[in-house]
Amino acid sequence: MDVYKKTIVVFGCTGTVGKPVLEGLLKADCYVRGVLRSPDRAYPVSPRDNCKLTYVSANLAVAEEIEAACAHADVVFLLTATHPDQVATEIRIIDASKKCGIQRIVKLSAPIVEPLAQVEVARWHRKIEEHLDESALEYCCLRPRAFMQNWERNTHTIRKFGTFYGVMEDARRNYIDARDVADVAVNVLLQEAPLPSSTIALDGPEALSHYEMAQRLSKVTGRTITYKNISRSDYFKMLTKRAKLPQWLATHIIELDELALNIPEPQTHSLAPLLDRKPRIMDAYLQENKALFARQALFKMWS
């Protein structure tokens, strides 16, 4: 008799965490279904030569389309874009998952922030987690620190001017590679035993200040990179007027800088027991992606 193989639905499968989750699951003995926001969206991993991988497209504002995406599946990886609609969207996915008989949800969440009022996006995630807790589904919320990959928001000013900006002064922020978060997610998604915890805090291997990051960027690019600490109002104008970010996202970026300034972040990681290996380090990430920050490479605009 053939052994039953789980079907795992991956929301956010085209993103920085979602794509490596997709890739990690494909190495395991399960079936994987990626959910695309648009039928025209390019596949993050080609399904042509992998019979275990399929895709569906779904409008996440429509419950019936989410239910169709989750039909006849066992487990959901819940990741949607950070956006003011995120609470409603993820609650809709949780409700659809329960209706479809999903057995487990693993959600990408955010660290606990006290007081909660300091970071609006953190409040969004707490609302979603509360709904997940009330759903009676088996679940686990992963709470990573700042992604190393978030530095790609700064590539334009680094490459063009050799400078990046913020309001973090000399505070340190804890960084984690998004691929390590994905590896933890894969392990939790595939775990056969009941989950031991409903939340897992994910701390990266070291906390770095913006001044220390400027030194490391200078080393890897071979040119002087500087950090300029500016006022909150000037940074907000820069993010909204020059980088053309929506106001809520500009506010979020500033709130994270201020959070690191007000509440010291961990200096040691929590990943080795979850990964069965050492975590990726910032210097390795910068070396791997140095072309993104080099003057000669094509500009990657703010995102």
C-alpha atoms as a PDB file:
ATOM      1  CA  MET A   1       0.000   0.000   0.000  1.00  0.00           C
ATOM      2  CA  ASP A   2       1.305   3.456  -0.905  1.00  0.00           C
ATOM      3  CA  VAL A   3       2.121   5.786   1.993  1.00  0.00           C
ATOM      4  CA  TYR A   4      -0.189   8.818   2.125  1.00  0.00           C
ATOM      5  CA  LYS A   5       1.598  12.002   1.057  1.00  0.00           C
ATOM      6  CA  LYS A   6       0.460  15.363   2.378  1.00  0.00           C
ATOM      7  CA  THR A   7      -0.587  18.209   0.116  1.00  0.00           C
ATOM      8  CA  ILE A   8       0.744  21.543   1.356  1.00  0.00           C
ATOM      9  CA  VAL A   9      -0.657  24.845   0.079  1.00  0.00           C
ATOM     10  CA  VAL A  10       1.835  27.729  -0.008  1.00  0.00           C
ATOM     11  CA  PHE A  11       0.465  31.276   0.023  1.00  0.00           C
ATOM     12  CA  GLY A  12       3.045  33.913  -0.884  1.00  0.00           C
ATOM     13  CA  CYS A  13       5.005  31.378  -2.922  1.00  0.00           C
ATOM     14  CA  THR A  14       6.688  34.007  -5.133  1.00  0.00           C
ATOM     15  CA  GLY A  15       8.243  35.992  -2.270  1.00  0.00           C
ATOM     16  CA  THR A  16      11.519  36.149  -0.374  1.00  0.00           C
ATOM     17  CA  VAL A  17      10.403  33.514   2.135  1.00  0.00           C
ATOM     18  CA  GLY A  18       7.685  31.767   0.142  1.00  0.00           C
ATOM     19  CA  LYS A  19       9.873  30.721  -2.778  1.00  0.00           C
ATOM     20  CA  PRO A  20      12.485  28.906  -0.638  1.00  0.00           C
ATOM     21  CA  VAL A  21       9.613  27.301   1.311  1.00  0.00           C
ATOM     22  CA  LEU A  22       8.316  25.998  -1.997  1.00  0.00           C
ATOM     23  CA  GLU A  23      11.786  24.742  -2.954  1.00  0.00           C
ATOM     24  CA  GLY A  24      12.337  23.105   0.431  1.00  0.00           C
ATOM     25  CA  LEU A  25       9.025  21.276   0.363  1.00  0.00           C
ATOM     26  CA  LEU A  26       9.756  19.916  -3.104  1.00  0.00           C
ATOM     27  CA  LYS A  27      12.732  18.052  -1.642  1.00  0.00           C
ATOM     28  CA  ALA A  28      10.403  16.273   0.776  1.00  0.00           C
ATOM     29  CA  ASP A  29       7.910  13.477   0.280  1.00  0.00           C
ATOM     30  CA  CYS A  30       4.799  15.607  -0.211  1.00  0.00           C
ATOM     31  CA  TYR A  31       2.776  17.440  -2.824  1.00  0.00           C
ATOM     32  CA  VAL A  32       3.019  21.221  -3.083  1.00  0.00           C
ATOM     33  CA  ARG A  33       0.451  23.711  -4.373  1.00  0.00           C
ATOM     34  CA  GLY A  34       1.548  27.303  -4.861  1.00  0.00           C
ATOM     35  CA  VAL A  35      -1.083  30.051  -4.785  1.00  0.00           C
ATOM     36  CA  LEU A  36      -0.612  32.926  -7.248  1.00  0.00           C
ATOM     37  CA  ARG A  37      -2.415  36.265  -6.918  1.00  0.00           C
ATOM     38  CA  SER A  38      -2.773  36.416 -10.705  1.00  0.00           C
ATOM     39  CA  PRO A  39      -2.933  33.694 -13.389  1.00  0.00           C
ATOM     40  CA  ASP A  40      -0.360  35.698 -15.355  1.00  0.00           C
ATOM     41  CA  ARG A  41       2.199  35.654 -12.533  1.00  0.00           C
ATOM     42  CA  ALA A  42       5.460  33.921 -13.454  1.00  0.00           C
ATOM     43  CA  TYR A  43       6.074  30.605 -11.694  1.00  0.00           C
ATOM     44  CA  PRO A  44       8.774  30.893  -9.015  1.00  0.00           C
ATOM     45  CA  VAL A  45       9.680  27.247  -9.683  1.00  0.00           C
ATOM     46  CA  SER A  46       8.794  25.550 -12.948  1.00  0.00           C
ATOM     47  CA  PRO A  47       6.209  22.754 -12.545  1.00  0.00           C
ATOM     48  CA  ARG A  48       7.100  21.282 -15.925  1.00  0.00           C
ATOM     49  CA  ASP A  49       9.539  18.663 -14.665  1.00  0.00           C
ATOM     50  CA  ASN A  50       8.119  18.131 -11.182  1.00  0.00           C
ATOM     51  CA  CYS A  51       4.925  16.146 -10.847  1.00  0.00           C
ATOM     52  CA  LYS A  52       4.668  17.054  -7.138  1.00  0.00           C
ATOM     53  CA  LEU A  53       4.242  20.784  -7.874  1.00  0.00           C
ATOM     54  CA  THR A  54       1.089  22.545  -9.066  1.00  0.00           C
ATOM     55  CA  TYR A  55      -0.168  26.122  -9.024  1.00  0.00           C
ATOM     56  CA  VAL A  56      -3.570  27.755  -8.679  1.00  0.00           C
ATOM     57  CA  SER A  57      -4.489  31.424  -8.963  1.00  0.00           C
ATOM     58  CA  ALA A  58      -6.829  33.030  -6.457  1.00  0.00           C
ATOM     59  CA  ASN A  59      -8.180  36.450  -5.675  1.00  0.00           C
ATOM     60  CA  LEU A  60      -7.538  36.628  -1.928  1.00  0.00           C
ATOM     61  CA  ALA A  61     -10.418  39.057  -1.491  1.00  0.00           C
ATOM     62  CA  VAL A  62     -12.860  36.294  -2.507  1.00  0.00           C
ATOM     63  CA  ALA A  63     -13.470  33.512   0.017  1.00  0.00           C
ATOM     64  CA  GLU A  64     -14.699  31.066  -2.609  1.00  0.00           C
ATOM     65  CA  GLU A  65     -11.469  31.359  -4.580  1.00  0.00           C
ATOM     66  CA  ILE A  66      -9.404  30.761  -1.442  1.00  0.00           C
ATOM     67  CA  GLU A  67     -11.504  27.698  -0.652  1.00  0.00           C
ATOM     68  CA  ALA A  68     -10.871  26.380  -4.158  1.00  0.00           C
ATOM     69  CA  ALA A  69      -7.140  26.887  -3.664  1.00  0.00           C
ATOM     70  CA  CYS A  70      -7.219  24.948  -0.367  1.00  0.00           C
ATOM     71  CA  ALA A  71      -9.529  22.143  -1.507  1.00  0.00           C
ATOM     72  CA  HIS A  72      -8.330  18.581  -0.804  1.00  0.00           C
ATOM     73  CA  ALA A  73      -5.166  19.799   0.939  1.00  0.00           C
ATOM     74  CA  ASP A  74      -3.783  19.031   4.398  1.00  0.00           C
ATOM     75  CA  VAL A  75      -1.543  21.911   5.489  1.00  0.00           C
ATOM     76  CA  VAL A  76      -1.299  25.650   4.723  1.00  0.00           C
ATOM     77  CA  PHE A  77       1.692  27.959   4.827  1.00  0.00           C
ATOM     78  CA  LEU A  78       0.168  31.385   5.484  1.00  0.00           C
ATOM     79  CA  LEU A  79       2.104  34.344   4.121  1.00  0.00           C
ATOM     80  CA  THR A  80       0.586  37.384   2.457  1.00  0.00           C
ATOM     81  CA  ALA A  81       2.051  40.777   1.657  1.00  0.00           C
ATOM     82  CA  THR A  82       2.421  43.301   4.468  1.00  0.00           C
ATOM     83  CA  HIS A  83      -0.392  45.702   3.668  1.00  0.00           C
ATOM     84  CA  PRO A  84      -3.305  47.436   5.424  1.00  0.00           C
ATOM     85  CA  ASP A  85      -5.570  44.681   4.040  1.00  0.00           C
ATOM     86  CA  GLN A  86      -3.440  41.926   5.593  1.00  0.00           C
ATOM     87  CA  VAL A  87      -5.636  41.287   8.632  1.00  0.00           C
ATOM     88  CA  ALA A  88      -8.799  40.785   6.580  1.00  0.00           C
ATOM     89  CA  THR A  89      -6.953  38.712   3.974  1.00  0.00           C
ATOM     90  CA  GLU A  90      -5.316  36.293   6.397  1.00  0.00           C
ATOM     91  CA  ILE A  91      -8.471  35.891   8.483  1.00  0.00           C
ATOM     92  CA  ARG A  92     -10.262  35.020   5.245  1.00  0.00           C
ATOM     93  CA  ILE A  93      -7.608  32.367   4.499  1.00  0.00           C
ATOM     94  CA  ILE A  94      -7.846  30.918   8.023  1.00  0.00           C
ATOM     95  CA  ASP A  95     -11.639  30.633   7.747  1.00  0.00           C
ATOM     96  CA  ALA A  96     -11.421  29.061   4.295  1.00  0.00           C
ATOM     97  CA  SER A  97      -8.776  26.614   5.507  1.00  0.00           C
ATOM     98  CA  LYS A  98     -10.967  25.488   8.383  1.00  0.00           C
ATOM     99  CA  LYS A  99     -13.944  25.052   6.062  1.00  0.00           C
ATOM    100  CA  CYS A 100     -11.804  22.890   3.764  1.00  0.00           C
ATOM    101  CA  GLY A 101     -10.654  20.616   6.580  1.00  0.00           C
ATOM    102  CA  ILE A 102      -7.035  21.809   6.676  1.00  0.00           C
ATOM    103  CA  GLN A 103      -5.183  20.116   9.539  1.00  0.00           C
ATOM    104  CA  ARG A 104      -2.376  22.595  10.219  1.00  0.00           C
ATOM    105  CA  ILE A 105      -1.497  26.224   9.482  1.00  0.00           C
ATOM    106  CA  VAL A 106       2.007  27.637   9.759  1.00  0.00           C
ATOM    107  CA  LYS A 107       1.933  31.431   9.659  1.00  0.00           C
ATOM    108  CA  LEU A 108       4.769  33.863   9.081  1.00  0.00           C
ATOM    109  CA  SER A 109       4.201  36.453  11.777  1.00  0.00           C
ATOM    110  CA  ALA A 110       6.183  39.192  13.536  1.00  0.00           C
ATOM    111  CA  PRO A 111       8.030  39.468  16.862  1.00  0.00           C
ATOM    112  CA  ILE A 112       6.190  40.385  20.030  1.00  0.00           C
ATOM    113  CA  VAL A 113       6.425  44.141  20.597  1.00  0.00           C
ATOM    114  CA  GLU A 114       5.763  45.687  24.001  1.00  0.00           C
ATOM    115  CA  PRO A 115       4.032  48.026  24.181  1.00  0.00           C
ATOM    116  CA  LEU A 116       2.158  46.862  21.093  1.00  0.00           C
ATOM    117  CA  ALA A 117       1.330  50.436  20.093  1.00  0.00           C
ATOM    118  CA  GLN A 118       4.927  51.016  18.988  1.00  0.00           C
ATOM    119  CA  VAL A 119       4.568  49.130  15.677  1.00  0.00           C
ATOM    120  CA  GLU A 120       1.263  49.109  13.789  1.00  0.00           C
ATOM    121  CA  VAL A 121       2.154  46.070  11.671  1.00  0.00           C
ATOM    122  CA  ALA A 122       2.787  44.109  14.881  1.00  0.00           C
ATOM    123  CA  ARG A 123      -0.788  44.908  15.925  1.00  0.00           C
ATOM    124  CA  TRP A 124      -2.021  43.494  12.620  1.00  0.00           C
ATOM    125  CA  HIS A 125      -0.222  40.214  13.250  1.00  0.00           C
ATOM    126  CA  ARG A 126      -1.536  39.946  16.810  1.00  0.00           C
ATOM    127  CA  LYS A 127      -5.115  40.293  15.509  1.00  0.00           C
ATOM    128  CA  ILE A 128      -4.502  37.508  12.997  1.00  0.00           C
ATOM    129  CA  GLU A 129      -2.899  35.297  15.641  1.00  0.00           C
ATOM    130  CA  GLU A 130      -5.887  35.816  17.941  1.00  0.00           C
ATOM    131  CA  HIS A 131      -8.228  34.670  15.176  1.00  0.00           C
ATOM    132  CA  LEU A 132      -6.000  31.679  14.465  1.00  0.00           C
ATOM    133  CA  ASP A 133      -6.090  30.741  18.152  1.00  0.00           C
ATOM    134  CA  GLU A 134      -9.885  30.924  18.149  1.00  0.00           C
ATOM    135  CA  SER A 135     -10.112  28.717  15.035  1.00  0.00           C
ATOM    136  CA  ALA A 136      -9.251  25.509  16.974  1.00  0.00           C
ATOM    137  CA  LEU A 137      -6.861  24.525  14.158  1.00  0.00           C
ATOM    138  CA  GLU A 138      -3.373  23.227  14.922  1.00  0.00           C
ATOM    139  CA  TYR A 139      -1.055  26.114  14.158  1.00  0.00           C
ATOM    140  CA  CYS A 140       2.348  27.641  14.660  1.00  0.00           C
ATOM    141  CA  CYS A 141       3.303  31.293  14.184  1.00  0.00           C
ATOM    142  CA  LEU A 142       6.920  31.964  13.233  1.00  0.00           C
ATOM    143  CA  ARG A 143       8.190  35.298  14.564  1.00  0.00           C
ATOM    144  CA  PRO A 144      11.428  36.249  12.789  1.00  0.00           C
ATOM    145  CA  ARG A 145      13.488  39.378  13.334  1.00  0.00           C
ATOM    146  CA  ALA A 146      14.495  41.680  10.461  1.00  0.00           C
ATOM    147  CA  PHE A 147      15.380  39.913   7.219  1.00  0.00           C
ATOM    148  CA  MET A 148      18.853  40.418   5.806  1.00  0.00           C
ATOM    149  CA  GLN A 149      17.116  40.701   2.445  1.00  0.00           C
ATOM    150  CA  ASN A 150      15.400  43.920   3.622  1.00  0.00           C
ATOM    151  CA  TRP A 151      18.680  45.673   2.852  1.00  0.00           C
ATOM    152  CA  GLU A 152      17.705  45.477  -0.801  1.00  0.00           C
ATOM    153  CA  ARG A 153      15.389  48.425  -0.099  1.00  0.00           C
ATOM    154  CA  ASN A 154      18.529  50.548   0.276  1.00  0.00           C
ATOM    155  CA  THR A 155      20.330  49.525  -2.892  1.00  0.00           C
ATOM    156  CA  HIS A 156      19.351  52.600  -4.906  1.00  0.00           C
ATOM    157  CA  THR A 157      20.906  55.211  -2.599  1.00  0.00           C
ATOM    158  CA  ILE A 158      23.868  52.968  -1.767  1.00  0.00           C
ATOM    159  CA  ARG A 159      24.723  52.396  -5.415  1.00  0.00           C
ATOM    160  CA  LYS A 160      24.069  55.927  -6.595  1.00  0.00           C
ATOM    161  CA  PHE A 161      25.326  57.973  -3.628  1.00  0.00           C
ATOM    162  CA  GLY A 162      27.275  55.527  -1.430  1.00  0.00           C
ATOM    163  CA  THR A 163      24.896  56.442   1.411  1.00  0.00           C
ATOM    164  CA  PHE A 164      21.859  55.117   3.232  1.00  0.00           C
ATOM    165  CA  TYR A 165      19.633  56.796   5.782  1.00  0.00           C
ATOM    166  CA  GLY A 166      17.636  56.066   8.915  1.00  0.00           C
ATOM    167  CA  VAL A 167      16.687  57.200  12.401  1.00  0.00           C
ATOM    168  CA  MET A 168      18.223  54.289  14.332  1.00  0.00           C
ATOM    169  CA  GLU A 169      21.315  56.190  15.582  1.00  0.00           C
ATOM    170  CA  ASP A 170      23.795  53.601  16.911  1.00  0.00           C
ATOM    171  CA  ALA A 171      21.204  51.003  18.012  1.00  0.00           C
ATOM    172  CA  ARG A 172      21.558  47.431  16.787  1.00  0.00           C
ATOM    173  CA  ARG A 173      19.017  45.357  14.886  1.00  0.00           C
ATOM    174  CA  ASN A 174      18.946  41.569  14.853  1.00  0.00           C
ATOM    175  CA  TYR A 175      19.057  40.122  11.321  1.00  0.00           C
ATOM    176  CA  ILE A 176      18.047  36.728  10.001  1.00  0.00           C
ATOM    177  CA  ASP A 177      18.376  35.293   6.499  1.00  0.00           C
ATOM    178  CA  ALA A 178      14.937  34.723   4.946  1.00  0.00           C
ATOM    179  CA  ARG A 179      16.118  31.321   3.725  1.00  0.00           C
ATOM    180  CA  ASP A 180      16.742  30.210   7.315  1.00  0.00           C
ATOM    181  CA  VAL A 181      13.190  31.254   8.164  1.00  0.00           C
ATOM    182  CA  ALA A 182      11.988  29.208   5.186  1.00  0.00           C
ATOM    183  CA  ASP A 183      13.945  26.151   6.356  1.00  0.00           C
ATOM    184  CA  VAL A 184      12.337  26.365   9.804  1.00  0.00           C
ATOM    185  CA  ALA A 185       8.926  26.739   8.174  1.00  0.00           C
ATOM    186  CA  VAL A 186       9.482  23.631   6.051  1.00  0.00           C
ATOM    187  CA  ASN A 187      10.450  21.604   9.132  1.00  0.00           C
ATOM    188  CA  VAL A 188       7.312  22.720  10.982  1.00  0.00           C
ATOM    189  CA  LEU A 189       5.056  22.146   7.981  1.00  0.00           C
ATOM    190  CA  LEU A 190       6.349  18.584   7.585  1.00  0.00           C
ATOM    191  CA  GLN A 191       6.512  17.584  11.251  1.00  0.00           C
ATOM    192  CA  GLU A 192       4.551  14.387  11.819  1.00  0.00           C
ATOM    193  CA  ALA A 193       4.120  14.785  15.580  1.00  0.00           C
ATOM    194  CA  PRO A 194       1.791  17.416  17.052  1.00  0.00           C
ATOM    195  CA  LEU A 195       3.419  20.824  17.187  1.00  0.00           C
ATOM    196  CA  PRO A 196       5.082  21.492  20.560  1.00  0.00           C
ATOM    197  CA  SER A 197       4.358  25.216  20.478  1.00  0.00           C
ATOM    198  CA  SER A 198       1.959  27.673  18.869  1.00  0.00           C
ATOM    199  CA  THR A 199       4.733  30.273  18.433  1.00  0.00           C
ATOM    200  CA  ILE A 200       8.450  30.175  17.646  1.00  0.00           C
ATOM    201  CA  ALA A 201      10.675  33.237  18.002  1.00  0.00           C
ATOM    202  CA  LEU A 202      13.410  33.321  15.364  1.00  0.00           C
ATOM    203  CA  ASP A 203      16.469  35.397  16.242  1.00  0.00           C
ATOM    204  CA  GLY A 204      19.359  35.788  13.800  1.00  0.00           C
ATOM    205  CA  PRO A 205      23.061  35.237  14.559  1.00  0.00           C
ATOM    206  CA  GLU A 206      23.987  38.839  15.380  1.00  0.00           C
ATOM    207  CA  ALA A 207      22.628  42.339  15.902  1.00  0.00           C
ATOM    208  CA  LEU A 208      24.236  45.151  13.923  1.00  0.00           C
ATOM    209  CA  SER A 209      23.991  48.925  13.925  1.00  0.00           C
ATOM    210  CA  HIS A 210      23.640  50.919  10.722  1.00  0.00           C
ATOM    211  CA  TYR A 211      27.184  52.221  11.256  1.00  0.00           C
ATOM    212  CA  GLU A 212      28.472  48.641  11.446  1.00  0.00           C
ATOM    213  CA  MET A 213      26.497  47.770   8.321  1.00  0.00           C
ATOM    214  CA  ALA A 214      28.120  50.709   6.527  1.00  0.00           C
ATOM    215  CA  GLN A 215      31.548  49.262   7.375  1.00  0.00           C
ATOM    216  CA  ARG A 216      30.584  45.811   6.112  1.00  0.00           C
ATOM    217  CA  LEU A 217      29.058  47.195   2.939  1.00  0.00           C
ATOM    218  CA  SER A 218      32.215  49.240   2.356  1.00  0.00           C
ATOM    219  CA  LYS A 219      34.351  46.130   2.686  1.00  0.00           C
ATOM    220  CA  VAL A 220      32.306  43.965   0.342  1.00  0.00           C
ATOM    221  CA  THR A 221      31.849  46.654  -2.346  1.00  0.00           C
ATOM    222  CA  GLY A 222      35.367  48.102  -2.175  1.00  0.00           C
ATOM    223  CA  ARG A 223      34.057  51.662  -1.822  1.00  0.00           C
ATOM    224  CA  THR A 224      33.134  53.893   1.095  1.00  0.00           C
ATOM    225  CA  ILE A 225      29.518  53.476   2.174  1.00  0.00           C
ATOM    226  CA  THR A 226      28.202  55.809   4.867  1.00  0.00           C
ATOM    227  CA  TYR A 227      25.159  55.883   7.100  1.00  0.00           C
ATOM    228  CA  LYS A 228      23.472  59.223   7.792  1.00  0.00           C
ATOM    229  CA  ASN A 229      21.172  59.498  10.777  1.00  0.00           C
ATOM    230  CA  ILE A 230      18.483  62.065  10.004  1.00  0.00           C
ATOM    231  CA  SER A 231      15.302  63.352  11.634  1.00  0.00           C
ATOM    232  CA  ARG A 232      12.091  61.363  11.578  1.00  0.00           C
ATOM    233  CA  SER A 233      10.353  64.006   9.455  1.00  0.00           C
ATOM    234  CA  ASP A 234      13.187  64.156   6.901  1.00  0.00           C
ATOM    235  CA  TYR A 235      13.283  60.354   6.643  1.00  0.00           C
ATOM    236  CA  PHE A 236       9.512  60.197   6.175  1.00  0.00           C
ATOM    237  CA  LYS A 237       9.734  62.771   3.357  1.00  0.00           C
ATOM    238  CA  MET A 238      12.580  60.844   1.737  1.00  0.00           C
ATOM    239  CA  LEU A 239      10.649  57.572   1.828  1.00  0.00           C
ATOM    240  CA  THR A 240       7.369  59.012   0.562  1.00  0.00           C
ATOM    241  CA  LYS A 241       8.540  61.751  -1.833  1.00  0.00           C
ATOM    242  CA  ARG A 242      11.731  60.326  -3.292  1.00  0.00           C
ATOM    243  CA  ALA A 243      11.260  56.576  -2.903  1.00  0.00           C
ATOM    244  CA  LYS A 244       7.490  56.896  -3.560  1.00  0.00           C
ATOM    245  CA  LEU A 245       6.552  54.507  -0.756  1.00  0.00           C
ATOM    246  CA  PRO A 246       2.995  54.596   0.594  1.00  0.00           C
ATOM    247  CA  GLN A 247       2.694  56.445   3.890  1.00  0.00           C
ATOM    248  CA  TRP A 248       1.855  53.325   5.898  1.00  0.00           C
ATOM    249  CA  LEU A 249       5.035  51.574   4.695  1.00  0.00           C
ATOM    250  CA  ALA A 250       7.224  54.613   5.344  1.00  0.00           C
ATOM    251  CA  THR A 251       5.773  54.810   8.849  1.00  0.00           C
ATOM    252  CA  HIS A 252       6.455  51.092   9.361  1.00  0.00           C
ATOM    253  CA  ILE A 253      10.118  51.431   8.369  1.00  0.00           C
ATOM    254  CA  ILE A 254      10.563  54.351  10.758  1.00  0.00           C
ATOM    255  CA  GLU A 255       8.759  52.506  13.553  1.00  0.00           C
ATOM    256  CA  LEU A 256      11.184  49.592  13.211  1.00  0.00           C
ATOM    257  CA  ASP A 257      14.189  51.921  13.470  1.00  0.00           C
ATOM    258  CA  GLU A 258      12.702  53.528  16.561  1.00  0.00           C
ATOM    259  CA  LEU A 259      11.886  50.129  18.057  1.00  0.00           C
ATOM    260  CA  ALA A 260      15.525  49.023  17.791  1.00  0.00           C
ATOM    261  CA  LEU A 261      16.516  52.313  19.398  1.00  0.00           C
ATOM    262  CA  ASN A 262      14.106  51.892  22.307  1.00  0.00           C
ATOM    263  CA  ILE A 263      14.285  48.124  22.940  1.00  0.00           C
ATOM    264  CA  PRO A 264      17.652  46.281  22.621  1.00  0.00           C
ATOM    265  CA  GLU A 265      17.442  43.341  20.225  1.00  0.00           C
ATOM    266  CA  PRO A 266      18.985  39.874  20.831  1.00  0.00           C
ATOM    267  CA  GLN A 267      22.707  39.434  20.226  1.00  0.00           C
ATOM    268  CA  THR A 268      22.520  35.636  19.972  1.00  0.00           C
ATOM    269  CA  HIS A 269      20.504  33.360  17.707  1.00  0.00           C
ATOM    270  CA  SER A 270      17.864  30.728  18.448  1.00  0.00           C
ATOM    271  CA  LEU A 271      18.154  28.859  15.155  1.00  0.00           C
ATOM    272  CA  ALA A 272      20.627  25.991  15.505  1.00  0.00           C
ATOM    273  CA  PRO A 273      18.210  23.593  17.298  1.00  0.00           C
ATOM    274  CA  LEU A 274      15.551  24.395  14.700  1.00  0.00           C
ATOM    275  CA  LEU A 275      17.833  23.963  11.686  1.00  0.00           C
ATOM    276  CA  ASP A 276      20.290  21.255  12.815  1.00  0.00           C
ATOM    277  CA  ARG A 277      23.019  23.567  11.539  1.00  0.00           C
ATOM    278  CA  LYS A 278      24.474  27.014  12.137  1.00  0.00           C
ATOM    279  CA  PRO A 279      22.487  29.954  10.718  1.00  0.00           C
ATOM    280  CA  ARG A 280      23.597  32.008   7.737  1.00  0.00           C
ATOM    281  CA  ILE A 281      25.515  35.152   8.707  1.00  0.00           C
ATOM    282  CA  MET A 282      25.297  38.719   7.417  1.00  0.00           C
ATOM    283  CA  ASP A 283      28.794  38.727   5.901  1.00  0.00           C
ATOM    284  CA  ALA A 284      27.858  35.697   3.794  1.00  0.00           C
ATOM    285  CA  TYR A 285      24.639  37.371   2.645  1.00  0.00           C
ATOM    286  CA  LEU A 286      26.521  40.550   1.657  1.00  0.00           C
ATOM    287  CA  GLN A 287      29.216  38.611  -0.192  1.00  0.00           C
ATOM    288  CA  GLU A 288      26.603  36.604  -2.078  1.00  0.00           C
ATOM    289  CA  ASN A 289      24.680  39.749  -3.041  1.00  0.00           C
ATOM    290  CA  LYS A 290      27.458  42.323  -3.405  1.00  0.00           C
ATOM    291  CA  ALA A 291      26.440  43.089  -6.990  1.00  0.00           C
ATOM    292  CA  LEU A 292      23.193  44.561  -5.673  1.00  0.00           C
ATOM    293  CA  PHE A 293      25.115  47.236  -3.779  1.00  0.00           C
ATOM    294  CA  ALA A 294      27.946  47.863  -6.271  1.00  0.00           C
ATOM    295  CA  ARG A 295      28.043  51.064  -8.329  1.00  0.00           C
ATOM    296  CA  GLN A 296      28.493  49.195 -11.623  1.00  0.00           C
ATOM    297  CA  ALA A 297      25.429  46.943 -11.391  1.00  0.00           C
ATOM    298  CA  LEU A 298      21.987  47.808 -12.748  1.00  0.00           C
ATOM    299  CA  PHE A 299      19.922  49.675 -10.194  1.00  0.00           C
ATOM    300  CA  LYS A 300      17.320  47.741  -8.243  1.00  0.00           C
ATOM    301  CA  MET A 301      14.733  50.304  -7.216  1.00  0.00           C
ATOM    302  CA  TRP A 302      13.194  50.599  -3.787  1.00  0.00           C
ATOM    303  CA  SER A 303      10.457  48.068  -3.037  1.00  0.00           C
END
